[in-house]
Amino acid sequence: MKLMPEDLPDDPALLKQMLLEAQDAKEAYATHIIDLKEQIKLLRDRIFGRKSEQTVEPNTP
């Protein structure tokens, strides 16, 4: 929800509270994005990473 200046309260204390809440939400989103990027990296490594390629000896039973 985007607030326009005319929609904001005039009370400085309320504005400060709203600003702190917005900063907390931003930090929470940033942390979540970091976690998601790490999950993507792990999944990519699992799917596309180097795999152990074992060779079969022709004389092995």
PDB file of N, CA and C in Angstrom:
ATOM      1  N   MET A   1       0.843  -1.170   0.000  1.00  0.00           N
ATOM      2  CA  MET A   1       0.000   0.000   0.000  1.00  0.00           C
ATOM      3  C   MET A   1       0.891   1.236   0.000  1.00  0.00           C
ATOM      4  N   LYS A   2       0.727   2.068  -0.981  1.00  0.00           N
ATOM      5  CA  LYS A   2       1.513   3.286  -1.081  1.00  0.00           C
ATOM      6  C   LYS A   2       0.711   4.439  -0.504  1.00  0.00           C
ATOM      7  N   LEU A   3       1.315   5.111   0.469  1.00  0.00           N
ATOM      8  CA  LEU A   3       0.653   6.247   1.099  1.00  0.00           C
ATOM      9  C   LEU A   3       1.071   7.541   0.412  1.00  0.00           C
ATOM     10  N   MET A   4       0.119   8.385   0.208  1.00  0.00           N
ATOM     11  CA  MET A   4       0.374   9.712  -0.344  1.00  0.00           C
ATOM     12  C   MET A   4       0.564  10.666   0.834  1.00  0.00           C
ATOM     13  N   PRO A   5       1.292  11.761   0.650  1.00  0.00           N
ATOM     14  CA  PRO A   5       1.531  12.690   1.761  1.00  0.00           C
ATOM     15  C   PRO A   5       0.250  13.166   2.445  1.00  0.00           C
ATOM     16  N   GLU A   6      -0.800  13.357   1.672  1.00  0.00           N
ATOM     17  CA  GLU A   6      -2.051  13.827   2.286  1.00  0.00           C
ATOM     18  C   GLU A   6      -2.730  12.742   3.126  1.00  0.00           C
ATOM     19  N   ASP A   7      -2.319  11.475   2.940  1.00  0.00           N
ATOM     20  CA  ASP A   7      -2.904  10.377   3.715  1.00  0.00           C
ATOM     21  C   ASP A   7      -2.172  10.131   5.030  1.00  0.00           C
ATOM     22  N   LEU A   8      -1.002  10.731   5.196  1.00  0.00           N
ATOM     23  CA  LEU A   8      -0.201  10.507   6.399  1.00  0.00           C
ATOM     24  C   LEU A   8      -0.720  11.349   7.564  1.00  0.00           C
ATOM     25  N   PRO A   9      -0.575  10.827   8.782  1.00  0.00           N
ATOM     26  CA  PRO A   9      -1.011  11.604   9.951  1.00  0.00           C
ATOM     27  C   PRO A   9      -0.058  12.778  10.201  1.00  0.00           C
ATOM     28  N   ASP A  10      -0.551  13.781  10.902  1.00  0.00           N
ATOM     29  CA  ASP A  10       0.263  14.960  11.226  1.00  0.00           C
ATOM     30  C   ASP A  10       1.035  14.786  12.529  1.00  0.00           C
ATOM     31  N   ASP A  11       0.686  13.789  13.320  1.00  0.00           N
ATOM     32  CA  ASP A  11       1.322  13.557  14.612  1.00  0.00           C
ATOM     33  C   ASP A  11       2.734  13.002  14.410  1.00  0.00           C
ATOM     34  N   PRO A  12       3.776  13.735  14.867  1.00  0.00           N
ATOM     35  CA  PRO A  12       5.154  13.264  14.685  1.00  0.00           C
ATOM     36  C   PRO A  12       5.424  11.914  15.351  1.00  0.00           C
ATOM     37  N   ALA A  13       4.831  11.678  16.510  1.00  0.00           N
ATOM     38  CA  ALA A  13       5.051  10.405  17.202  1.00  0.00           C
ATOM     39  C   ALA A  13       4.495   9.243  16.379  1.00  0.00           C
ATOM     40  N   LEU A  14       3.334   9.436  15.805  1.00  0.00           N
ATOM     41  CA  LEU A  14       2.724   8.398  14.974  1.00  0.00           C
ATOM     42  C   LEU A  14       3.537   8.177  13.694  1.00  0.00           C
ATOM     43  N   LEU A  15       4.048   9.265  13.123  1.00  0.00           N
ATOM     44  CA  LEU A  15       4.895   9.147  11.931  1.00  0.00           C
ATOM     45  C   LEU A  15       6.173   8.372  12.244  1.00  0.00           C
ATOM     46  N   LYS A  16       6.771   8.655  13.408  1.00  0.00           N
ATOM     47  CA  LYS A  16       7.978   7.926  13.814  1.00  0.00           C
ATOM     48  C   LYS A  16       7.677   6.442  13.988  1.00  0.00           C
ATOM     49  N   GLN A  17       6.540   6.140  14.602  1.00  0.00           N
ATOM     50  CA  GLN A  17       6.147   4.744  14.797  1.00  0.00           C
ATOM     51  C   GLN A  17       5.963   4.049  13.446  1.00  0.00           C
ATOM     52  N   MET A  18       5.315   4.733  12.519  1.00  0.00           N
ATOM     53  CA  MET A  18       5.107   4.154  11.188  1.00  0.00           C
ATOM     54  C   MET A  18       6.443   3.922  10.476  1.00  0.00           C
ATOM     55  N   LEU A  19       7.368   4.855  10.643  1.00  0.00           N
ATOM     56  CA  LEU A  19       8.681   4.721  10.023  1.00  0.00           C
ATOM     57  C   LEU A  19       9.436   3.527  10.601  1.00  0.00           C
ATOM     58  N   LEU A  20       9.396   3.371  11.910  1.00  0.00           N
ATOM     59  CA  LEU A  20      10.061   2.230  12.547  1.00  0.00           C
ATOM     60  C   LEU A  20       9.455   0.907  12.085  1.00  0.00           C
ATOM     61  N   GLU A  21       8.140   0.859  11.965  1.00  0.00           N
ATOM     62  CA  GLU A  21       7.480  -0.359  11.488  1.00  0.00           C
ATOM     63  C   GLU A  21       7.878  -0.668  10.045  1.00  0.00           C
ATOM     64  N   ALA A  22       7.987   0.372   9.229  1.00  0.00           N
ATOM     65  CA  ALA A  22       8.391   0.169   7.833  1.00  0.00           C
ATOM     66  C   ALA A  22       9.834  -0.327   7.758  1.00  0.00           C
ATOM     67  N   GLN A  23      10.704   0.213   8.609  1.00  0.00           N
ATOM     68  CA  GLN A  23      12.095  -0.243   8.628  1.00  0.00           C
ATOM     69  C   GLN A  23      12.190  -1.699   9.080  1.00  0.00           C
ATOM     70  N   ASP A  24      11.406  -2.068  10.088  1.00  0.00           N
ATOM     71  CA  ASP A  24      11.395  -3.459  10.554  1.00  0.00           C
ATOM     72  C   ASP A  24      10.923  -4.404   9.451  1.00  0.00           C
ATOM     73  N   ALA A  25       9.889  -3.992   8.738  1.00  0.00           N
ATOM     74  CA  ALA A  25       9.375  -4.822   7.648  1.00  0.00           C
ATOM     75  C   ALA A  25      10.426  -4.968   6.550  1.00  0.00           C
ATOM     76  N   LYS A  26      11.115  -3.884   6.236  1.00  0.00           N
ATOM     77  CA  LYS A  26      12.160  -3.926   5.207  1.00  0.00           C
ATOM     78  C   LYS A  26      13.274  -4.886   5.617  1.00  0.00           C
ATOM     79  N   GLU A  27      13.708  -4.823   6.872  1.00  0.00           N
ATOM     80  CA  GLU A  27      14.754  -5.722   7.356  1.00  0.00           C
ATOM     81  C   GLU A  27      14.297  -7.176   7.308  1.00  0.00           C
ATOM     82  N   ALA A  28      13.045  -7.424   7.658  1.00  0.00           N
ATOM     83  CA  ALA A  28      12.517  -8.790   7.620  1.00  0.00           C
ATOM     84  C   ALA A  28      12.498  -9.313   6.184  1.00  0.00           C
ATOM     85  N   TYR A  29      12.072  -8.464   5.240  1.00  0.00           N
ATOM     86  CA  TYR A  29      12.064  -8.874   3.831  1.00  0.00           C
ATOM     87  C   TYR A  29      13.485  -9.132   3.333  1.00  0.00           C
ATOM     88  N   ALA A  30      14.428  -8.269   3.718  1.00  0.00           N
ATOM     89  CA  ALA A  30      15.814  -8.440   3.284  1.00  0.00           C
ATOM     90  C   ALA A  30      16.383  -9.757   3.810  1.00  0.00           C
ATOM     91  N   THR A  31      16.093 -10.083   5.062  1.00  0.00           N
ATOM     92  CA  THR A  31      16.551 -11.346   5.638  1.00  0.00           C
ATOM     93  C   THR A  31      15.926 -12.522   4.909  1.00  0.00           C
ATOM     94  N   HIS A  32      14.660 -12.419   4.597  1.00  0.00           N
ATOM     95  CA  HIS A  32      13.962 -13.493   3.880  1.00  0.00           C
ATOM     96  C   HIS A  32      14.557 -13.682   2.483  1.00  0.00           C
ATOM     97  N   ILE A  33      14.879 -12.588   1.821  1.00  0.00           N
ATOM     98  CA  ILE A  33      15.479 -12.669   0.489  1.00  0.00           C
ATOM     99  C   ILE A  33      16.841 -13.350   0.558  1.00  0.00           C
ATOM    100  N   ILE A  34      17.635 -13.028   1.568  1.00  0.00           N
ATOM    101  CA  ILE A  34      18.940 -13.674   1.738  1.00  0.00           C
ATOM    102  C   ILE A  34      18.761 -15.170   1.931  1.00  0.00           C
ATOM    103  N   ASP A  35      17.796 -15.563   2.764  1.00  0.00           N
ATOM    104  CA  ASP A  35      17.525 -16.988   2.987  1.00  0.00           C
ATOM    105  C   ASP A  35      17.093 -17.680   1.696  1.00  0.00           C
ATOM    106  N   LEU A  36      16.233 -17.045   0.929  1.00  0.00           N
ATOM    107  CA  LEU A  36      15.770 -17.639  -0.327  1.00  0.00           C
ATOM    108  C   LEU A  36      16.909 -17.777  -1.332  1.00  0.00           C
ATOM    109  N   LYS A  37      17.782 -16.784  -1.400  1.00  0.00           N
ATOM    110  CA  LYS A  37      18.930 -16.875  -2.308  1.00  0.00           C
ATOM    111  C   LYS A  37      19.847 -18.027  -1.910  1.00  0.00           C
ATOM    112  N   GLU A  38      20.033 -18.237  -0.621  1.00  0.00           N
ATOM    113  CA  GLU A  38      20.859 -19.354  -0.152  1.00  0.00           C
ATOM    114  C   GLU A  38      20.211 -20.687  -0.518  1.00  0.00           C
ATOM    115  N   GLN A  39      18.895 -20.781  -0.367  1.00  0.00           N
ATOM    116  CA  GLN A  39      18.199 -22.010  -0.761  1.00  0.00           C
ATOM    117  C   GLN A  39      18.343 -22.265  -2.257  1.00  0.00           C
ATOM    118  N   ILE A  40      18.239 -21.215  -3.057  1.00  0.00           N
ATOM    119  CA  ILE A  40      18.403 -21.360  -4.506  1.00  0.00           C
ATOM    120  C   ILE A  40      19.804 -21.862  -4.823  1.00  0.00           C
ATOM    121  N   LYS A  41      20.812 -21.288  -4.163  1.00  0.00           N
ATOM    122  CA  LYS A  41      22.193 -21.717  -4.396  1.00  0.00           C
ATOM    123  C   LYS A  41      22.366 -23.189  -4.048  1.00  0.00           C
ATOM    124  N   LEU A  42      21.843 -23.604  -2.904  1.00  0.00           N
ATOM    125  CA  LEU A  42      21.972 -25.005  -2.500  1.00  0.00           C
ATOM    126  C   LEU A  42      21.264 -25.935  -3.480  1.00  0.00           C
ATOM    127  N   LEU A  43      20.083 -25.553  -3.920  1.00  0.00           N
ATOM    128  CA  LEU A  43      19.350 -26.387  -4.878  1.00  0.00           C
ATOM    129  C   LEU A  43      20.061 -26.451  -6.223  1.00  0.00           C
ATOM    130  N   ARG A  44      20.589 -25.327  -6.674  1.00  0.00           N
ATOM    131  CA  ARG A  44      21.341 -25.338  -7.940  1.00  0.00           C
ATOM    132  C   ARG A  44      22.567 -26.235  -7.830  1.00  0.00           C
ATOM    133  N   ASP A  45      23.264 -26.124  -6.694  1.00  0.00           N
ATOM    134  CA  ASP A  45      24.439 -26.976  -6.500  1.00  0.00           C
ATOM    135  C   ASP A  45      24.045 -28.446  -6.488  1.00  0.00           C
ATOM    136  N   ARG A  46      22.914 -28.752  -5.872  1.00  0.00           N
ATOM    137  CA  ARG A  46      22.464 -30.137  -5.804  1.00  0.00           C
ATOM    138  C   ARG A  46      22.083 -30.657  -7.194  1.00  0.00           C
ATOM    139  N   ILE A  47      21.425 -29.819  -7.973  1.00  0.00           N
ATOM    140  CA  ILE A  47      20.955 -30.255  -9.290  1.00  0.00           C
ATOM    141  C   ILE A  47      22.068 -30.201 -10.335  1.00  0.00           C
ATOM    142  N   PHE A  48      22.813 -29.113 -10.366  1.00  0.00           N
ATOM    143  CA  PHE A  48      23.761 -28.890 -11.449  1.00  0.00           C
ATOM    144  C   PHE A  48      25.224 -28.995 -11.025  1.00  0.00           C
ATOM    145  N   GLY A  49      25.478 -29.249  -9.751  1.00  0.00           N
ATOM    146  CA  GLY A  49      26.853 -29.294  -9.264  1.00  0.00           C
ATOM    147  C   GLY A  49      27.604 -30.515  -9.765  1.00  0.00           C
ATOM    148  N   ARG A  50      28.880 -30.558  -9.416  1.00  0.00           N
ATOM    149  CA  ARG A  50      29.695 -31.701  -9.818  1.00  0.00           C
ATOM    150  C   ARG A  50      29.168 -32.954  -9.151  1.00  0.00           C
ATOM    151  N   LYS A  51      29.133 -33.996  -9.932  1.00  0.00           N
ATOM    152  CA  LYS A  51      28.668 -35.279  -9.412  1.00  0.00           C
ATOM    153  C   LYS A  51      29.835 -36.237  -9.417  1.00  0.00           C
ATOM    154  N   SER A  52      29.797 -37.158  -8.522  1.00  0.00           N
ATOM    155  CA  SER A  52      30.830 -38.173  -8.482  1.00  0.00           C
ATOM    156  C   SER A  52      30.576 -39.142  -9.623  1.00  0.00           C
ATOM    157  N   GLU A  53      31.496 -39.180 -10.542  1.00  0.00           N
ATOM    158  CA  GLU A  53      31.358 -40.100 -11.668  1.00  0.00           C
ATOM    159  C   GLU A  53      32.264 -41.290 -11.412  1.00  0.00           C
ATOM    160  N   GLN A  54      31.656 -42.416 -11.240  1.00  0.00           N
ATOM    161  CA  GLN A  54      32.425 -43.624 -10.969  1.00  0.00           C
ATOM    162  C   GLN A  54      32.577 -44.408 -12.258  1.00  0.00           C
ATOM    163  N   THR A  55      33.789 -44.859 -12.487  1.00  0.00           N
ATOM    164  CA  THR A  55      34.022 -45.681 -13.675  1.00  0.00           C
ATOM    165  C   THR A  55      33.993 -47.138 -13.267  1.00  0.00           C
ATOM    166  N   VAL A  56      33.520 -47.942 -14.151  1.00  0.00           N
ATOM    167  CA  VAL A  56      33.438 -49.373 -13.887  1.00  0.00           C
ATOM    168  C   VAL A  56      34.629 -50.033 -14.564  1.00  0.00           C
ATOM    169  N   GLU A  57      35.365 -50.803 -13.789  1.00  0.00           N
ATOM    170  CA  GLU A  57      36.491 -51.556 -14.336  1.00  0.00           C
ATOM    171  C   GLU A  57      35.947 -52.702 -15.179  1.00  0.00           C
ATOM    172  N   PRO A  58      36.479 -52.920 -16.364  1.00  0.00           N
ATOM    173  CA  PRO A  58      35.949 -53.996 -17.209  1.00  0.00           C
ATOM    174  C   PRO A  58      36.139 -55.386 -16.607  1.00  0.00           C
ATOM    175  N   ASN A  59      37.128 -55.576 -15.743  1.00  0.00           N
ATOM    176  CA  ASN A  59      37.398 -56.897 -15.165  1.00  0.00           C
ATOM    177  C   ASN A  59      36.698 -57.102 -13.825  1.00  0.00           C
ATOM    178  N   THR A  60      35.889 -56.182 -13.412  1.00  0.00           N
ATOM    179  CA  THR A  60      35.205 -56.294 -12.125  1.00  0.00           C
ATOM    180  C   THR A  60      33.932 -57.119 -12.296  1.00  0.00           C
ATOM    181  N   PRO A  61      33.705 -58.051 -11.358  1.00  0.00           N
ATOM    182  CA  PRO A  61      32.491 -58.889 -11.481  1.00  0.00           C
ATOM    183  C   PRO A  61      31.218 -58.139 -11.203  1.00  0.00           C
TER     184      PRO A  61
END
